[in-house]
N, C-alpha and C. Protein backbone atom coordinates (compact mmCIF):
# COMPACT_ATOMS: atom_id res chain seq x y z
N UNK A 1 0.99 -1.29 -0.06
CA UNK A 1 0.25 -0.18 0.05
C UNK A 1 0.87 1.23 -0.02
N UNK A 2 0.35 2.36 -0.66
CA UNK A 2 1.24 3.64 -0.83
C UNK A 2 0.61 4.70 0.13
N UNK A 3 1.83 5.44 0.58
CA UNK A 3 1.39 6.12 1.51
C UNK A 3 1.75 7.52 0.94
N UNK A 4 1.00 8.31 1.03
CA UNK A 4 1.49 9.94 0.48
C UNK A 4 1.51 10.82 1.54
N UNK A 5 2.41 12.06 1.26
CA UNK A 5 2.19 13.34 2.32
C UNK A 5 1.98 14.32 1.90
N UNK A 6 1.07 15.11 2.33
CA UNK A 6 0.66 16.47 1.83
C UNK A 6 1.68 17.43 2.38
N UNK A 7 2.26 18.40 1.44
CA UNK A 7 3.02 19.31 1.60
C UNK A 7 2.59 20.67 1.50
N UNK A 8 1.23 20.66 1.56
CA UNK A 8 0.56 22.27 1.17
C UNK A 8 0.93 23.17 2.32
N UNK A 9 0.76 22.70 3.45
CA UNK A 9 0.89 23.57 4.77
C UNK A 9 2.41 23.91 4.53
N UNK A 10 3.15 23.51 3.87
CA UNK A 10 4.68 24.04 4.17
C UNK A 10 4.76 24.92 3.26
N UNK A 11 3.55 24.87 2.08
CA UNK A 11 3.75 26.08 0.94
C UNK A 11 2.81 26.94 1.42
N UNK A 12 2.06 27.34 2.53
CA UNK A 12 1.27 28.19 2.69
C UNK A 12 1.81 29.38 3.00
N UNK A 13 1.57 30.52 2.26
CA UNK A 13 2.66 31.70 2.36
C UNK A 13 1.14 32.59 2.34
N UNK A 14 1.56 33.43 3.77
CA UNK A 14 0.31 34.27 4.05
C UNK A 14 0.78 35.64 4.36
N UNK A 15 -0.11 36.27 3.27
CA UNK A 15 0.25 38.01 3.35
C UNK A 15 -0.24 38.79 4.42
N UNK A 16 0.77 39.50 4.77
CA UNK A 16 0.75 40.14 6.34
C UNK A 16 0.92 41.94 5.79
N UNK A 17 -0.27 42.46 6.98
CA UNK A 17 -0.09 43.89 6.78
C UNK A 17 0.96 44.40 7.71
N UNK A 18 1.88 45.29 7.39
CA UNK A 18 3.13 45.81 8.28
C UNK A 18 2.53 47.13 8.65
N UNK A 19 1.87 48.01 7.89
CA UNK A 19 1.40 49.08 8.46
C UNK A 19 -0.09 49.39 8.26
N UNK A 20 -0.50 50.33 9.16
CA UNK A 20 -2.00 50.61 9.21
C UNK A 20 -2.36 51.85 9.32
N UNK A 21 -2.74 52.61 8.61
CA UNK A 21 -3.23 53.93 8.83
C UNK A 21 -2.02 54.64 9.65
N UNK A 22 -0.59 54.62 8.55
CA UNK A 22 0.24 55.55 9.00
C UNK A 22 1.03 54.69 10.42
N UNK A 23 0.46 53.74 10.90
CA UNK A 23 0.80 53.02 12.26
C UNK A 23 1.68 51.77 12.01
N UNK A 24 2.84 51.45 12.38
CA UNK A 24 3.78 50.67 12.47
C UNK A 24 3.26 49.03 13.29
N UNK A 25 2.83 47.60 12.33
CA UNK A 25 2.50 46.95 13.13
C UNK A 25 3.58 45.73 13.34
N UNK A 26 4.76 46.01 12.99
CA UNK A 26 5.69 45.35 13.40
C UNK A 26 6.18 44.30 12.57
N UNK A 27 6.03 43.08 12.91
CA UNK A 27 6.18 41.94 11.83
C UNK A 27 4.90 41.78 11.09
N UNK A 28 3.94 42.26 11.23
CA UNK A 28 2.60 42.28 10.40
C UNK A 28 1.96 41.48 11.22
N UNK A 29 0.42 41.99 10.82
CA UNK A 29 -1.02 40.88 11.10
C UNK A 29 -1.37 40.19 9.83
N UNK A 30 -1.93 38.91 10.31
CA UNK A 30 -2.59 38.49 8.82
C UNK A 30 -3.37 39.13 8.25
N UNK A 31 -3.38 39.27 6.89
CA UNK A 31 -4.61 39.89 6.06
C UNK A 31 -5.69 39.44 6.07
N UNK A 32 -5.75 38.09 6.07
CA UNK A 32 -7.07 37.49 6.46
C UNK A 32 -7.69 37.20 7.90
N UNK A 33 -7.06 37.37 9.08
CA UNK A 33 -7.03 37.96 10.18
C UNK A 33 -7.75 38.76 10.38
N UNK A 34 -6.98 40.03 9.87
CA UNK A 34 -7.27 41.28 9.70
C UNK A 34 -8.98 41.91 9.31
N UNK A 35 -9.09 41.31 7.85
CA UNK A 35 -9.95 41.07 7.26
C UNK A 35 -11.29 40.66 8.12
N UNK A 36 -11.05 39.23 8.55
CA UNK A 36 -12.40 38.50 9.69
C UNK A 36 -12.53 39.60 10.75
N UNK A 37 -11.44 39.96 11.21
CA UNK A 37 -11.78 40.96 12.41
C UNK A 37 -12.45 42.06 12.08
N UNK A 38 -12.60 43.01 11.13
CA UNK A 38 -13.13 43.96 10.75
C UNK A 38 -14.32 43.52 9.97
N UNK A 39 -14.55 42.63 9.45
CA UNK A 39 -16.02 42.13 9.10
C UNK A 39 -16.95 41.74 10.74
N UNK A 40 -16.36 40.92 11.53
CA UNK A 40 -17.09 40.45 12.67
C UNK A 40 -17.15 41.79 13.47
N UNK A 41 -16.41 42.94 13.67
CA UNK A 41 -16.68 44.23 13.97
C UNK A 41 -18.06 45.03 13.63
N UNK A 42 -17.76 45.25 12.17
CA UNK A 42 -18.94 45.72 11.28
C UNK A 42 -20.24 45.13 11.64
N UNK A 43 -20.34 43.98 11.68
CA UNK A 43 -21.65 42.61 11.91
C UNK A 43 -22.15 42.89 13.41
N UNK A 44 -21.08 42.95 14.41
CA UNK A 44 -21.63 42.49 15.77
C UNK A 44 -21.82 44.11 16.44
N UNK A 45 -20.95 45.11 16.25
CA UNK A 45 -21.01 46.25 16.55
C UNK A 45 -22.26 47.27 15.73
N UNK A 46 -22.43 46.63 14.70
CA UNK A 46 -23.47 47.44 13.96
C UNK A 46 -24.81 46.98 14.24
N UNK A 47 -24.68 45.65 14.27
CA UNK A 47 -25.87 45.10 15.38
C UNK A 47 -26.31 45.53 16.35
N UNK A 48 -25.17 45.77 17.44
CA UNK A 48 -25.56 46.18 18.69
C UNK A 48 -25.94 47.74 18.43
N UNK A 49 -25.64 48.23 17.51
CA UNK A 49 -25.77 49.60 17.69
C UNK A 49 -27.35 50.12 17.24
N UNK A 50 -27.74 48.97 16.13
CA UNK A 50 -28.87 49.38 15.67
C UNK A 50 -29.98 48.38 16.78
N UNK A 51 -29.49 47.82 17.77
CA UNK A 51 -30.81 47.49 18.79
C UNK A 51 -30.32 48.55 19.99
N UNK A 52 -29.35 48.79 20.14
CA UNK A 52 -29.55 49.45 21.72
C UNK A 52 -29.08 50.82 21.38
N UNK A 53 -28.22 51.01 20.55
CA UNK A 53 -27.83 52.33 20.50
C UNK A 53 -26.22 52.70 20.84
N UNK A 54 -25.70 54.00 21.30
CA UNK A 54 -24.68 53.95 21.70
C UNK A 54 -24.60 53.39 23.14
N UNK A 55 -23.03 52.78 23.14
CA UNK A 55 -22.92 52.03 24.64
C UNK A 55 -22.39 53.43 25.57
N UNK A 56 -22.44 52.61 26.96
CA UNK A 56 -21.96 53.67 27.82
C UNK A 56 -20.64 52.85 28.43
N UNK A 57 -19.90 53.58 29.44
CA UNK A 57 -18.48 52.92 29.45
C UNK A 57 -18.42 51.38 30.00
N UNK A 58 -19.72 51.07 30.53
CA UNK A 58 -19.76 49.36 30.82
C UNK A 58 -20.03 48.69 29.72
N UNK A 59 -20.89 49.36 28.79
CA UNK A 59 -21.45 48.28 28.15
C UNK A 59 -20.48 48.27 26.46
N UNK A 60 -19.32 49.19 27.13
CA UNK A 60 -18.32 49.48 25.56
C UNK A 60 -17.80 47.62 25.33
N UNK A 61 -17.39 47.18 26.75
CA UNK A 61 -16.57 45.94 26.63
C UNK A 61 -17.62 45.07 25.94
N UNK A 62 -18.72 44.88 25.82
CA UNK A 62 -19.85 43.98 25.40
C UNK A 62 -19.82 44.12 23.62
N UNK A 63 -19.06 45.47 23.25
CA UNK A 63 -19.42 45.89 22.06
C UNK A 63 -17.83 45.49 21.09
N UNK A 64 -17.14 45.54 22.39
CA UNK A 64 -15.82 45.58 21.63
C UNK A 64 -15.14 44.16 21.81
N UNK A 65 -15.55 43.39 22.97
CA UNK A 65 -14.27 42.22 23.31
C UNK A 65 -15.03 40.93 22.51
N UNK A 66 -16.20 40.60 22.27
CA UNK A 66 -16.37 39.39 21.27
C UNK A 66 -15.88 39.34 20.20
N UNK A 67 -15.99 40.50 19.29
CA UNK A 67 -15.40 40.12 17.88
C UNK A 67 -13.85 40.11 17.76
N UNK A 68 -13.40 40.76 18.86
CA UNK A 68 -12.00 40.57 19.29
C UNK A 68 -11.22 39.52 19.57
N UNK A 69 -12.25 38.69 20.40
CA UNK A 69 -11.57 37.26 20.99
C UNK A 69 -11.85 36.48 20.04
N UNK A 70 -12.82 36.53 19.08
CA UNK A 70 -13.23 35.58 17.97
C UNK A 70 -12.00 35.56 16.97
N UNK A 71 -11.40 37.12 16.71
CA UNK A 71 -10.65 37.20 15.66
C UNK A 71 -9.25 36.32 15.97
N UNK A 72 -9.22 36.73 17.23
CA UNK A 72 -7.59 36.32 17.79
C UNK A 72 -7.65 34.63 18.08
N UNK A 73 -8.56 34.31 18.79
CA UNK A 73 -8.66 32.76 18.79
C UNK A 73 -9.23 31.86 17.74
N UNK A 74 -9.87 32.58 17.09
CA UNK A 74 -10.37 31.99 15.69
C UNK A 74 -9.68 31.74 14.35
N UNK A 75 -8.54 32.92 14.13
CA UNK A 75 -7.54 32.68 13.08
C UNK A 75 -6.20 32.36 13.70
N UNK A 76 -6.44 31.34 14.84
CA UNK A 76 -5.13 30.36 14.87
C UNK A 76 -5.30 28.97 14.21
N UNK A 77 -4.02 28.35 14.33
CA UNK A 77 -4.47 27.10 13.47
C UNK A 77 -4.87 25.94 14.71
N UNK A 78 -5.86 25.37 13.90
CA UNK A 78 -6.05 24.11 14.74
C UNK A 78 -5.39 23.01 15.20
N UNK A 79 -5.50 22.30 16.50
CA UNK A 79 -4.48 21.42 16.67
C UNK A 79 -5.27 20.35 16.11
N UNK A 80 -6.49 20.32 15.83
CA UNK A 80 -6.62 18.83 15.02
C UNK A 80 -6.32 18.73 13.48
N UNK A 81 -6.31 19.72 12.89
CA UNK A 81 -5.89 19.98 11.45
C UNK A 81 -5.08 21.17 11.11
N UNK A 82 -4.22 21.02 11.04
CA UNK A 82 -3.25 22.32 11.07
C UNK A 82 -3.72 23.21 9.89
N UNK A 83 -3.97 22.51 8.69
CA UNK A 83 -4.66 23.41 7.68
C UNK A 83 -5.73 24.21 7.84
N UNK A 84 -6.53 23.91 8.97
CA UNK A 84 -7.73 25.02 9.30
C UNK A 84 -7.54 25.88 10.49
N UNK A 85 -8.27 26.68 10.39
CA UNK A 85 -8.63 27.91 11.31
C UNK A 85 -9.80 26.91 12.45
N UNK A 86 -9.55 27.65 13.66
CA UNK A 86 -10.49 27.27 14.96
C UNK A 86 -11.91 27.70 14.31
N UNK A 87 -11.93 28.91 13.75
CA UNK A 87 -13.04 29.50 13.59
C UNK A 87 -14.09 28.42 12.27
N UNK A 88 -13.10 27.90 11.71
CA UNK A 88 -14.04 26.77 10.78
C UNK A 88 -14.62 25.60 11.47
N UNK A 89 -13.64 25.24 12.30
CA UNK A 89 -14.05 23.83 13.43
C UNK A 89 -15.19 24.71 14.29
N UNK A 90 -15.42 25.59 14.62
CA UNK A 90 -16.54 26.33 15.50
C UNK A 90 -17.84 26.39 14.60
N UNK A 91 -17.73 26.86 13.45
CA UNK A 91 -18.71 26.71 12.21
C UNK A 91 -19.38 25.45 12.02
N UNK A 92 -18.63 24.45 11.62
CA UNK A 92 -19.00 23.12 11.38
C UNK A 92 -19.68 22.65 12.30
N UNK A 93 -19.19 22.88 13.88
CA UNK A 93 -19.75 22.05 14.89
C UNK A 93 -21.38 22.56 15.26
N UNK A 94 -21.00 24.08 14.88
CA UNK A 94 -22.74 24.68 15.21
C UNK A 94 -23.43 24.08 14.19
N UNK A 95 -22.94 23.89 12.66
CA UNK A 95 -23.83 23.49 11.86
C UNK A 95 -24.17 22.15 12.19
N UNK A 96 -23.46 21.37 12.60
CA UNK A 96 -23.84 19.87 12.70
C UNK A 96 -24.96 19.68 13.93
N UNK A 97 -24.71 20.98 14.90
CA UNK A 97 -25.57 20.64 16.04
C UNK A 97 -27.13 20.90 15.49
N UNK A 98 -27.23 22.18 14.76
CA UNK A 98 -28.26 22.83 14.19
C UNK A 98 -28.94 21.88 13.05
N UNK A 99 -28.13 21.51 11.82
CA UNK A 99 -28.68 20.80 10.86
C UNK A 99 -28.46 19.40 10.76
N UNK A 100 -27.25 18.98 11.46
CA UNK A 100 -27.17 17.61 11.74
C UNK A 100 -26.43 17.05 10.36
N UNK A 101 -26.19 15.59 10.30
CA UNK A 101 -25.51 14.64 9.45
C UNK A 101 -26.62 14.03 8.24
N UNK A 102 -26.63 14.66 7.42
CA UNK A 102 -27.90 13.69 6.24
C UNK A 102 -26.80 12.73 5.51
N UNK A 103 -27.18 11.46 5.71
CA UNK A 103 -25.90 10.27 5.05
C UNK A 103 -26.17 10.47 3.51
N UNK A 104 -25.13 10.30 3.00
CA UNK A 104 -24.74 9.86 1.56
C UNK A 104 -25.35 8.71 1.39
N UNK A 105 -26.27 8.20 0.61
CA UNK A 105 -26.45 6.73 0.28
C UNK A 105 -26.28 6.74 -1.26
N UNK A 106 -25.86 5.59 -1.38
CA UNK A 106 -25.31 5.21 -2.45
C UNK A 106 -24.55 6.28 -3.67
N UNK A 107 -23.80 6.93 -3.06
CA UNK A 107 -23.06 7.75 -3.60
C UNK A 107 -24.40 9.02 -4.19
N UNK A 108 -25.21 9.39 -3.24
CA UNK A 108 -25.97 10.56 -3.63
C UNK A 108 -27.28 9.90 -4.44
N UNK A 109 -27.29 8.82 -5.00
CA UNK A 109 -28.51 8.18 -5.96
C UNK A 109 -29.68 8.70 -5.40
N UNK A 110 -29.55 8.29 -3.94
CA UNK A 110 -31.03 8.49 -3.20
C UNK A 110 -30.71 9.17 -1.96
N UNK A 111 -31.56 9.87 -1.70
CA UNK A 111 -31.62 11.15 -0.32
C UNK A 111 -32.14 10.29 0.55
N UNK A 112 -31.46 10.33 1.86
CA UNK A 112 -31.81 9.88 3.01
C UNK A 112 -33.30 10.23 3.42
N UNK A 113 -33.74 9.21 4.09
CA UNK A 113 -35.20 9.22 4.68
C UNK A 113 -35.01 9.88 5.95
N UNK A 114 -36.10 10.77 6.56
CA UNK A 114 -35.98 11.52 7.77
C UNK A 114 -35.53 10.39 8.85
N UNK A 115 -36.05 9.10 8.87
CA UNK A 115 -35.65 8.24 9.92
C UNK A 115 -34.09 8.00 9.94
N UNK A 116 -33.32 8.12 8.63
CA UNK A 116 -32.05 7.67 8.75
C UNK A 116 -30.95 9.04 9.13
N UNK A 117 -31.32 9.91 9.71
CA UNK A 117 -30.96 11.20 9.96
C UNK A 117 -30.46 10.91 11.30
N UNK A 118 -29.12 11.26 12.00
CA UNK A 118 -28.96 11.12 13.56
C UNK A 118 -29.98 12.43 14.11
N UNK A 119 -30.13 11.67 15.24
CA UNK A 119 -31.31 12.65 15.81
C UNK A 119 -30.40 13.68 16.90
N UNK A 120 -31.00 14.78 17.04
CA UNK A 120 -30.67 15.50 17.55
C UNK A 120 -30.00 15.78 19.09
N UNK A 121 -30.62 14.86 19.83
CA UNK A 121 -29.93 14.24 21.16
C UNK A 121 -28.74 13.47 20.87
N UNK A 122 -28.82 12.56 19.78
CA UNK A 122 -27.67 11.75 20.03
C UNK A 122 -26.59 12.62 19.38
N UNK A 123 -26.79 13.77 18.42
CA UNK A 123 -25.69 14.81 18.40
C UNK A 123 -25.12 15.37 19.48
N UNK A 124 -26.35 15.94 20.13
CA UNK A 124 -25.65 17.11 21.39
C UNK A 124 -24.66 16.20 22.32
N UNK A 125 -25.10 14.93 22.53
CA UNK A 125 -24.53 14.13 23.70
C UNK A 125 -23.50 13.31 23.38
N UNK A 126 -23.12 13.44 21.83
CA UNK A 126 -22.12 12.19 21.26
C UNK A 126 -20.67 12.86 21.93
N UNK A 127 -19.91 12.53 20.67
CA UNK A 127 -18.13 12.82 21.32
C UNK A 127 -17.93 14.45 21.72
N UNK A 128 -18.49 15.38 20.48
CA UNK A 128 -18.54 16.70 20.37
C UNK A 128 -19.46 17.44 21.41
N UNK A 129 -20.55 16.61 22.07
CA UNK A 129 -21.65 17.10 22.40
C UNK A 129 -21.69 18.21 23.01
N UNK A 130 -22.60 19.32 23.23
CA UNK A 130 -22.62 20.37 24.19
C UNK A 130 -23.52 20.25 25.47
N UNK A 131 -24.45 19.38 25.70
CA UNK A 131 -24.88 19.06 26.66
C UNK A 131 -24.55 18.34 27.69
N UNK A 132 -24.52 18.50 29.19
CA UNK A 132 -24.21 17.89 29.81
C UNK A 132 -25.03 16.70 30.28
N UNK A 133 -24.50 15.85 31.19
CA UNK A 133 -25.24 14.69 31.26
C UNK A 133 -26.44 15.15 32.34
N UNK A 134 -25.92 16.12 33.18
CA UNK A 134 -27.16 16.36 34.25
C UNK A 134 -28.67 17.45 33.43
N UNK A 135 -28.13 17.57 32.07
CA UNK A 135 -29.32 18.23 31.14
C UNK A 135 -30.18 17.17 30.67
N UNK A 136 -29.36 16.20 30.30
CA UNK A 136 -30.10 14.94 29.96
C UNK A 136 -31.16 13.73 30.71
N UNK A 137 -30.61 13.90 31.97
CA UNK A 137 -31.01 13.14 32.82
C UNK A 137 -29.98 12.00 33.01
N UNK A 138 -29.65 11.65 34.03
CA UNK A 138 -28.95 10.84 34.86
C UNK A 138 -28.92 9.52 34.25
N UNK A 139 -27.90 9.41 33.31
CA UNK A 139 -27.89 7.70 32.62
C UNK A 139 -28.97 7.29 31.70
N UNK A 140 -29.59 8.54 31.50
CA UNK A 140 -30.68 8.32 30.29
C UNK A 140 -30.19 7.83 28.66
N UNK A 141 -30.68 6.67 28.47
CA UNK A 141 -30.45 5.76 27.47
C UNK A 141 -30.72 6.90 26.05
N UNK A 142 -30.03 6.43 24.94
CA UNK A 142 -30.23 7.26 23.72
C UNK A 142 -31.39 6.29 22.99
N UNK A 143 -32.03 7.01 22.07
CA UNK A 143 -33.24 6.20 21.55
C UNK A 143 -32.34 5.31 20.67
N UNK A 144 -33.07 4.26 20.47
CA UNK A 144 -32.44 3.00 19.93
C UNK A 144 -32.26 3.41 18.17
N UNK A 145 -31.21 3.16 17.49
CA UNK A 145 -31.30 3.15 16.06
C UNK A 145 -32.48 2.70 15.40
N UNK A 146 -33.13 3.01 13.93
CA UNK A 146 -34.25 2.79 13.63
C UNK A 146 -33.89 1.75 12.40
N UNK A 147 -32.93 1.02 12.78
CA UNK A 147 -32.38 0.02 11.70
C UNK A 147 -32.92 -1.27 11.99
N UNK A 148 -32.87 -2.24 11.11
CA UNK A 148 -33.47 -3.83 11.73
C UNK A 148 -32.30 -4.74 12.06
N UNK A 149 -32.49 -5.65 12.18
CA UNK A 149 -31.21 -6.69 12.71
C UNK A 149 -29.97 -6.90 11.31
N UNK A 150 -28.95 -6.93 11.76
CA UNK A 150 -28.04 -6.95 10.59
C UNK A 150 -27.98 -8.23 9.79
N UNK A 151 -27.65 -8.27 8.75
CA UNK A 151 -28.26 -8.99 7.38
C UNK A 151 -26.78 -9.86 7.56
N UNK A 152 -26.82 -11.44 7.36
CA UNK A 152 -25.70 -12.20 7.49
C UNK A 152 -25.47 -12.30 5.78
N UNK A 153 -23.98 -11.92 5.77
CA UNK A 153 -23.70 -12.26 4.20
C UNK A 153 -22.97 -13.75 4.34
N UNK A 154 -23.30 -14.80 3.57
CA UNK A 154 -22.67 -15.85 3.76
C UNK A 154 -22.60 -16.38 2.04
N UNK A 155 -22.16 -15.24 1.26
CA UNK A 155 -22.07 -15.57 -0.36
C UNK A 155 -20.74 -16.59 -0.79
N UNK A 156 -20.74 -17.34 -1.65
CA UNK A 156 -20.06 -18.45 -1.52
C UNK A 156 -19.38 -18.20 -2.98
N UNK A 157 -18.13 -17.90 -3.54
CA UNK A 157 -17.91 -17.87 -5.02
C UNK A 157 -17.92 -18.84 -5.56
N UNK A 158 -18.35 -18.86 -7.04
CA UNK A 158 -18.31 -20.47 -7.66
C UNK A 158 -17.83 -19.80 -8.82
N UNK A 159 -16.95 -20.78 -9.39
CA UNK A 159 -16.03 -20.91 -10.70
C UNK A 159 -16.95 -21.63 -11.81
N UNK A 160 -17.73 -21.08 -12.70
CA UNK A 160 -18.08 -22.09 -13.91
C UNK A 160 -17.31 -21.85 -15.02
N UNK A 161 -17.11 -22.97 -15.80
CA UNK A 161 -16.56 -22.94 -16.79
C UNK A 161 -17.25 -22.96 -18.01
N UNK A 162 -16.60 -22.87 -19.23
CA UNK A 162 -17.11 -22.48 -20.53
C UNK A 162 -18.27 -23.43 -20.95
N UNK A 163 -17.94 -24.63 -20.39
CA UNK A 163 -19.13 -25.77 -20.86
C UNK A 163 -20.54 -25.26 -20.10
N UNK A 164 -20.31 -25.07 -18.82
CA UNK A 164 -21.55 -24.74 -17.90
C UNK A 164 -22.08 -23.13 -18.53
N UNK A 165 -21.38 -22.28 -18.94
CA UNK A 165 -21.98 -21.28 -19.04
C UNK A 165 -22.69 -21.49 -20.54
N UNK A 166 -22.42 -22.34 -21.54
CA UNK A 166 -22.68 -22.52 -22.61
C UNK A 166 -24.22 -23.37 -22.47
N UNK A 167 -24.40 -24.14 -21.44
CA UNK A 167 -25.23 -24.86 -21.30
C UNK A 167 -26.81 -24.04 -20.96
N UNK A 168 -26.16 -22.84 -20.10
CA UNK A 168 -26.97 -22.08 -19.66
C UNK A 168 -27.68 -21.33 -20.39
N UNK A 169 -26.75 -21.15 -21.19
CA UNK A 169 -27.28 -20.00 -22.52
C UNK A 169 -28.20 -20.55 -23.35
N UNK A 170 -27.67 -21.76 -23.29
CA UNK A 170 -28.54 -22.74 -24.34
C UNK A 170 -30.01 -23.03 -24.00
N UNK A 171 -30.23 -23.13 -22.14
CA UNK A 171 -31.39 -23.12 -21.80
C UNK A 171 -32.36 -22.01 -21.85
N UNK A 172 -31.55 -20.60 -21.53
CA UNK A 172 -32.14 -19.72 -21.76
C UNK A 172 -32.54 -19.25 -23.03
N UNK A 173 -32.15 -19.82 -24.14
CA UNK A 173 -32.59 -19.49 -25.53
C UNK A 173 -31.59 -18.51 -26.15
N UNK A 174 -30.44 -18.45 -25.65
CA UNK A 174 -29.71 -17.51 -26.41
C UNK A 174 -28.93 -18.34 -27.27
N UNK A 175 -28.83 -17.50 -28.38
CA UNK A 175 -27.86 -18.06 -29.63
C UNK A 175 -26.45 -18.16 -29.12
N UNK A 176 -25.77 -18.95 -30.06
CA UNK A 176 -24.21 -19.30 -29.85
C UNK A 176 -23.72 -18.46 -31.03
N UNK A 177 -24.27 -18.29 -32.21
CA UNK A 177 -23.60 -17.40 -32.99
C UNK A 177 -24.22 -16.36 -33.82
N UNK A 178 -23.71 -15.19 -34.35
CA UNK A 178 -24.16 -14.21 -34.79
C UNK A 178 -24.16 -12.83 -34.15
N UNK A 179 -24.97 -11.67 -34.06
CA UNK A 179 -24.52 -10.68 -33.18
C UNK A 179 -24.52 -10.96 -32.06
N UNK A 180 -25.26 -11.57 -31.46
CA UNK A 180 -25.76 -11.82 -30.01
C UNK A 180 -24.82 -12.61 -29.25
N UNK A 181 -23.64 -13.22 -29.95
CA UNK A 181 -22.86 -14.31 -29.24
C UNK A 181 -21.99 -13.54 -28.57
């Protein structure tokens, strides 16, 4: 078996902003992190300004700190996959908790029925679950999956020779010569 190595992380060249509005930023800030922080500040602060108006000196922290912390910790490389940011894992986790996992059946030829989806309770108490044991009840069992008993497969390969194939074809009424041979 062949094993491959991915070198794309080693070639990840990140653009940096070394100066902003005449202020020297030293080694520079990642431009992607700077843009994410800017967009978060616009959305968060704009939403709070529309809802509550200008902040007082105590509420200023609520207007300023959440986008800053999200931009700082969200743009760090993830420990699980160093090619992704933490904010990507957070977004995928929220999407999984809200929408769930829709199984792909037969390569997408058939969409999954509603009973084949993972229930929300199982998603929240699973490996990356957000609910604590006290919230779900002490030792509360998860609902049983809606699948039947396992199907035993005991297929036996058989090798048929040309004489047996010829006999079966003759019984079926197939021709041995001509276009269909």
